[in-house]
Structure formats: structure tokens, C-alpha cells
Protein backbone atom coordinates (compact mmCIF):
# COMPACT_ATOMS: atom_id res chain seq x y z
CA MET A 1 137.23 76.94 83.33
CA SER A 2 135.85 77.18 86.87
CA THR A 3 132.13 77.14 87.44
CA LYS A 4 130.05 78.51 90.26
CA CYS A 5 126.69 77.46 91.66
CA LEU A 6 124.44 80.38 92.56
CA PHE A 7 121.54 79.95 94.98
CA LEU A 8 118.58 82.31 95.06
CA PHE A 9 115.80 82.35 97.63
CA VAL A 10 112.38 83.98 97.61
CA LEU A 11 109.41 84.22 99.96
CA LEU A 12 106.19 82.73 98.67
CA SER A 13 103.12 84.88 98.36
CA LEU A 14 100.35 83.19 100.24
CA PRO A 15 96.99 82.56 98.54
CA ILE A 16 94.45 85.36 98.68
CA PHE A 17 91.63 84.71 101.13
CA VAL A 18 88.33 85.95 99.72
CA LYS A 19 85.62 84.69 102.11
CA ALA A 20 83.82 87.17 104.31
CA GLN A 21 84.18 85.04 107.43
CA ILE A 22 87.69 83.69 107.93
CA ASN A 23 88.94 80.47 109.45
CA TRP A 24 90.06 81.97 112.76
CA GLY A 25 92.78 79.38 113.40
CA ASP A 26 94.60 80.27 110.17
CA TYR A 27 95.12 83.84 111.31
CA SER A 28 97.00 85.69 114.03
CA GLN A 29 95.07 88.40 115.82
CA SER A 30 96.34 91.73 117.13
CA PHE A 31 94.26 93.97 119.41
CA PRO A 32 94.48 96.25 122.46
CA SER A 33 95.14 94.35 125.70
CA GLU A 34 91.87 95.49 127.28
CA VAL A 35 89.87 93.63 124.63
CA GLN A 36 90.76 90.34 126.30
CA GLN A 37 90.22 91.73 129.78
CA LYS A 38 86.84 93.45 129.41
CA LYS A 39 83.77 92.25 127.52
CA ASP A 40 82.69 95.82 126.78
CA ALA A 41 86.11 97.12 125.69
CA LEU A 42 85.84 98.73 122.27
CA GLY A 43 88.75 97.73 120.06
CA ILE A 44 89.61 96.64 116.52
CA ILE A 45 90.88 93.08 116.13
CA LEU A 46 93.25 92.84 113.17
CA ALA A 47 93.57 89.36 111.65
CA ILE A 48 96.32 88.44 109.17
CA ARG A 49 97.61 85.10 107.96
CA LYS A 50 99.63 83.65 110.83
CA GLU A 51 102.54 82.70 108.56
CA ASN A 52 103.47 86.40 108.68
CA ASN A 53 104.50 86.02 112.34
CA SER A 54 107.67 84.28 111.17
CA TYR A 55 109.01 87.46 109.61
CA TRP A 56 108.28 89.96 112.38
CA SER A 57 111.81 89.28 113.63
CA VAL A 58 112.96 90.81 110.32
CA ARG A 59 110.57 93.77 110.26
CA GLU A 60 107.98 94.05 113.01
CA LYS A 61 107.03 97.70 112.53
CA SER A 62 106.73 99.76 109.37
CA ASP A 63 108.52 103.10 108.99
CA TYR A 64 105.06 104.55 108.32
CA TYR A 65 104.04 103.66 111.87
CA PHE A 66 106.82 105.74 113.41
CA LYS A 67 106.13 108.59 110.99
CA LEU A 68 102.45 108.68 112.03
CA LEU A 69 103.37 108.52 115.72
CA ALA A 70 105.33 111.72 115.23
CA ASP A 71 102.43 113.41 113.42
CA SER A 72 100.55 115.45 116.03
CA SER A 73 97.53 115.99 113.75
CA PHE A 74 97.19 112.21 113.38
CA ILE A 75 97.55 111.45 117.10
CA LYS A 76 95.40 114.26 118.43
CA VAL A 77 92.10 112.90 117.03
CA ARG A 78 92.75 109.38 118.30
CA SER A 79 92.08 108.56 121.92
CA LYS A 80 93.05 104.89 122.11
CA GLU A 81 96.08 102.62 121.88
CA LEU A 82 97.22 102.23 118.26
CA ILE A 83 97.67 98.70 116.91
CA ALA A 84 100.16 98.38 114.03
CA ARG A 85 101.35 95.26 112.24
CA THR A 86 103.28 94.35 109.10
CA THR A 87 102.35 91.70 106.57
CA PHE A 88 104.53 90.20 103.86
CA ASP A 89 102.13 88.46 101.47
CA THR A 90 99.30 89.46 99.14
CA SER A 91 96.44 88.24 101.33
CA SER A 92 93.75 90.52 102.71
CA ALA A 93 93.84 91.83 106.26
CA HIS A 94 90.55 91.46 108.13
CA PHE A 95 89.16 93.91 110.70
CA PHE A 96 86.71 93.00 113.47
CA LEU A 97 85.28 95.39 116.05
CA HIS A 98 85.04 94.00 119.57
CA ALA A 99 82.09 95.08 121.79
CA VAL A 100 79.99 96.14 118.81
CA ASN A 101 77.14 93.87 117.67
CA LYS A 102 73.72 94.07 116.02
CA LEU A 103 72.25 95.79 119.08
CA ASN A 104 74.60 98.78 119.24
CA ALA A 105 76.15 98.93 115.76
CA HIS A 106 73.87 101.85 114.81
CA LEU A 107 75.91 104.04 117.17
CA TYR A 108 79.21 103.61 115.31
CA GLU A 109 80.79 104.09 111.90
CA PHE A 110 84.13 103.18 110.31
CA ARG A 111 86.41 104.11 107.45
CA ILE A 112 89.50 102.68 105.72
CA LEU A 113 92.36 104.93 104.55
CA GLU A 114 95.43 104.15 102.47
CA TYR A 115 98.75 105.68 103.50
CA PRO A 116 100.90 107.53 102.47
CA SER A 117 98.60 108.46 99.55
CA ASN A 118 95.76 109.36 101.99
CA LYS A 119 93.39 107.72 99.52
CA ILE A 120 89.95 106.93 100.94
CA VAL A 121 89.38 103.21 100.44
CA GLU A 122 86.08 103.23 102.35
CA PRO A 123 84.46 106.54 103.47
CA TRP A 124 82.79 106.87 106.87
CA GLN A 125 79.90 104.44 106.82
CA SER A 126 77.55 102.42 109.00
CA ILE A 127 78.41 98.94 110.25
CA THR A 128 76.24 96.26 108.68
CA LYS A 129 78.23 93.00 108.87
CA PHE A 130 78.80 90.74 111.86
CA THR A 131 80.59 87.53 112.74
CA ASP A 132 78.69 84.34 112.02
CA SER A 133 78.08 81.47 114.43
CA THR A 134 81.07 79.46 113.18
CA LEU A 135 83.54 82.28 113.75
CA ILE A 136 82.01 83.08 117.15
CA LYS A 137 82.67 79.47 118.19
CA GLN A 138 86.21 79.42 116.73
CA SER A 139 87.31 82.75 118.22
CA GLY A 140 85.74 82.49 121.66
CA PHE A 141 84.56 86.09 121.31
CA PRO A 142 80.87 87.03 121.37
CA GLU A 143 79.27 88.46 118.23
CA MET A 144 81.40 91.25 116.79
CA ALA A 145 81.15 93.69 113.93
CA TYR A 146 83.01 92.64 110.79
CA LEU A 147 84.47 95.66 109.00
CA GLY A 148 85.71 93.61 106.06
CA GLY A 149 88.85 92.27 104.42
CA TYR A 150 91.13 94.69 102.59
CA LYS A 151 94.55 94.67 100.97
CA ALA A 152 97.02 97.19 99.54
CA GLY A 153 100.13 96.93 97.41
CA PHE A 154 103.60 96.50 98.84
CA GLY A 155 104.94 99.70 100.32
CA LYS A 156 101.47 100.85 101.38
CA MET A 157 99.55 100.90 104.64
CA LEU A 158 95.84 100.65 105.46
CA ILE A 159 94.37 102.45 108.45
CA ALA A 160 91.03 101.36 109.93
CA ASP A 161 89.29 103.95 112.12
CA VAL A 162 86.13 103.70 114.25
CA ARG A 163 84.18 106.51 115.89
CA LYS A 164 80.71 107.21 117.23
CA LYS A 165 78.37 108.80 114.72
CA ASN A 166 78.25 112.60 114.77
CA GLN A 167 81.54 112.76 116.70
CA THR A 168 85.06 113.58 115.54
CA THR A 169 87.15 111.69 118.10
CA ILE A 170 88.36 108.35 116.76
CA LEU A 171 87.86 105.63 119.36
CA ALA A 172 89.82 102.79 117.76
CA THR A 173 92.57 102.57 115.13
CA SER A 174 94.33 99.61 113.57
CA MET A 175 97.10 99.83 110.97
CA ILE A 176 98.52 97.19 108.64
CA SER A 177 101.48 97.75 106.30
CA TRP A 178 102.45 95.55 103.36
CA GLU A 179 106.22 95.14 103.42
CA SER A 180 108.43 93.49 100.81
CA ILE A 181 111.21 91.40 102.35
CA TYR A 182 113.62 88.71 101.25
CA PRO A 183 115.01 85.96 103.44
CA ALA A 184 118.58 86.70 104.47
CA VAL A 185 121.16 83.99 105.08
CA SER A 186 122.53 84.28 108.61
CA SER A 187 125.04 81.40 108.40
CA VAL A 188 126.25 78.61 106.12
CA HIS A 189 127.24 75.05 106.99
CA THR A 190 129.14 72.57 104.81
CA SER A 191 129.93 68.87 105.06
CA LYS A 192 132.84 69.79 107.34
CA ASP A 193 130.67 71.06 110.19
CA LEU A 194 127.44 69.20 109.35
CA GLY A 195 127.61 67.33 112.67
CA VAL A 196 127.67 70.61 114.57
CA PHE A 197 124.68 71.86 112.59
CA LEU A 198 122.72 68.67 113.34
CA GLN A 199 123.58 68.92 117.03
CA LYS A 200 122.41 72.53 117.09
CA LEU A 201 119.23 71.51 115.29
CA GLN A 202 118.49 68.80 117.84
CA PHE A 203 119.53 70.84 120.88
CA PRO A 204 119.07 74.53 119.92
CA TRP A 205 119.62 75.64 123.52
CA SER A 206 123.06 73.99 123.70
CA ASN A 207 126.10 76.28 123.87
CA THR A 208 128.46 73.41 123.04
CA ALA A 209 127.48 73.28 119.38
CA GLU A 210 127.77 77.05 119.09
CA GLY A 211 131.33 76.97 120.36
CA GLN A 212 132.35 74.26 117.89
CA THR A 213 130.81 75.93 114.85
CA MET A 214 133.26 76.81 112.10
CA PHE A 215 131.55 79.82 110.58
CA GLN A 216 131.66 79.85 106.80
CA PRO A 217 131.66 83.07 104.79
CA ILE A 218 128.23 83.79 103.34
CA ASN A 219 129.66 85.43 100.23
CA ASN A 220 132.50 84.03 98.08
CA LEU A 221 132.22 80.64 99.73
CA LYS A 222 134.90 78.23 98.51
CA LEU A 223 134.16 74.50 98.75
CA SER A 224 136.35 71.43 98.50
CA PRO A 225 135.61 69.07 95.57
CA ASP A 226 134.25 66.38 97.90
CA ASN A 227 131.79 68.67 99.70
CA ASN A 228 128.24 67.51 98.98
CA ASN A 229 126.24 69.37 101.66
CA LEU A 230 125.32 73.01 101.91
CA VAL A 231 123.00 74.33 104.60
CA PHE A 232 121.78 77.94 104.43
CA VAL A 233 120.35 79.11 107.75
CA LEU A 234 117.78 81.90 107.34
CA ASN A 235 116.99 84.73 109.73
CA ALA A 236 113.26 83.96 109.90
CA GLU A 237 111.18 81.66 112.06
CA ILE A 238 109.97 79.36 109.30
CA THR A 239 107.24 76.92 110.30
CA SER A 240 106.18 75.60 106.89
CA LYS A 241 108.18 74.48 103.86
CA TYR A 242 105.67 76.35 101.69
CA GLN A 243 106.94 79.69 103.02
CA ILE A 244 110.20 79.39 101.08
CA GLN A 245 111.10 78.59 97.48
CA TYR A 246 114.58 78.37 96.02
CA GLN A 247 116.29 78.00 92.66
CA LEU A 248 119.71 76.59 91.74
CA LEU A 249 121.74 78.21 88.95
CA LEU A 250 125.04 77.17 87.37
CA ASP A 251 126.76 79.85 85.28
CA ASN A 252 123.38 81.62 84.91
CA GLN A 253 121.77 78.40 83.67
CA ILE A 254 118.90 76.85 85.62
CA VAL A 255 119.88 73.56 87.27
CA THR A 256 116.86 73.31 89.55
CA ASP A 257 113.89 75.57 88.92
CA TRP A 258 111.91 77.37 91.63
CA HIS A 259 110.30 74.89 94.01
CA ASP A 260 109.16 74.59 97.62
CA ASN A 261 111.67 73.98 100.35
CA GLU A 262 112.02 70.37 101.56
CA TYR A 263 111.92 71.18 105.28
CA ASN A 264 109.58 72.94 107.70
CA ASN A 265 112.51 74.77 109.25
CA SER A 266 114.49 77.99 108.96
CA PHE A 267 117.11 76.53 106.64
CA ILE A 268 117.61 75.21 103.11
CA TRP A 269 119.65 72.02 102.93
CA LEU A 270 121.16 71.14 99.57
CA LYS A 271 122.30 67.52 99.34
CA ASP A 272 124.44 66.13 96.52
CA PHE A 273 124.06 69.43 94.69
CA LEU A 274 127.39 68.94 92.88
CA GLN A 275 125.89 65.97 91.09
CA ASP A 276 123.02 68.16 89.90
CA CYS A 277 125.48 70.79 88.68
CA THR A 278 127.55 68.17 86.82
CA VAL A 279 124.55 66.62 85.10
CA SER A 280 123.41 70.03 83.84
CA LYS A 281 126.73 70.92 82.21
């Protein structure tokens, strides 16, 4: 009776960050362009774990973002450039307010909304928290207001708004959507074209390797008995082996349980996997 090896991949959820002041270097920051150009430019700086950047090539913008852009009632009360990002783990997103500090914070207020439920996570309130000396040094920005770290479930968005007290016009808005994605296999390499894969890995800009590649079908892949290498190339810019876990199954039986990838690259390389399948039978 023939047997098949089934490979499953999953994205890791990154650990939840609970401190009030983040380690700036562990996060990517998104903000209006004028924030970097003018010291007095009011704008929300959104900080999310930088590992998320790898998956923006899969889904950079949420469908909610485009839906809100088309909502005239949403746009009409907002006077500034909208910042929108997607995140793919369970960590909190952190909001900082550039150009607002202890001296002028009494002039402003903020709120946090959940979308599409329109649930009020934080009602309009005064700003009372600010970046500490360590974060000021790490970020290179002067003292800023810290609006807090918040998270929502997958399939939900949080909207941070800032306005002047006793006014209705919203001066700054930042949106973050929690999206559920799975790594997709873009190509497969076997022992037959392993040399081409290695050449492409070493010289990714080379067209020679691309022309020599013998593309293997991603589904219903048939292997020769002496094939002992399988490389699954993923459509994500992986920078850490901890971003990917995989499991090996043989006839619905676990051969290798879920574990971290062995490489800090956008591929999973199975070596001598037939031996593992044989031992498990």
C-alpha cells in the first residue's frame, strides 16, 4: 500500500508584550511623513512587533481600511492622513502621540474604538502617560504622549483618534487590524534541482538559476524513491526561524511534531525525511 507524507505549516504567535514602555528596536513604527520632517507635527506613531513586516507582502492593508475610506461620515470628521497597518500575531499595538508632551497634553484627548463592532475600548479621555528617558533615547524622538498598548482578536481593527478638547474635528487617526494568515508555498524543490535552489539562495539576483529551475507541482507532488530533499519556498520575507513552525505527518500519523524551523529564511528544508517516515511506520 502506498503511503504519503503530508507537511503542514503554521505561523507562530509572538509573545504578548505587556510593559508600558516598549523596547523601540523590537518594533516597526508607522506614522505620517511630516512627523519626521517637523518637530511640531502632530501625529500618532503606531508601533507593532517588527516581525509583522515579513507578511505585509501577503496582506498589507485590511479590507476594513478600504471600507472606511469609502465611508464619508468616517472621513469627514478627520482632517489628517490616515495611517493603517495589519498585524498577524497576538501582541499589543502601541500608540504614541508625536508633538504632545507634559507641557501641552492638557489641550488634547484620545479614544480607542474597535471596528466593525464600533465598541468603545477607551472613551474620550485626557492624556496622562508619556515616554520615559530610555525610550526617548532609543527612538530619537523628544518626549511624546503614550496612549497605551491595546490588542483585539483576529478579524478586528482598532482605531486610535486624537482631537483637541471641546472640538469635534479629529486631528490624528491610526488604525491597526489583526489579520489571520497562513504561509503559502510558492515553489517546491527536490534533490533533482537542489543545486539550482542553492545557486538562487546564494545569488538571488541571478537570472541564470531562474532559467534552469525545474518547477515542481505544489500539490500532488510525486517523488522518486531516492529523493531525500524537499524544499518548500514560502511567499513571506522570513527573517527568523521562530516565525515558522511545521509538522510532518505520515498517513495522518505524526512523524515529527510541531517545532521551529531550522533556518532564518523563507523556506523549509526537509533533509532525509524518508528515513523519518520509514522509522515511524
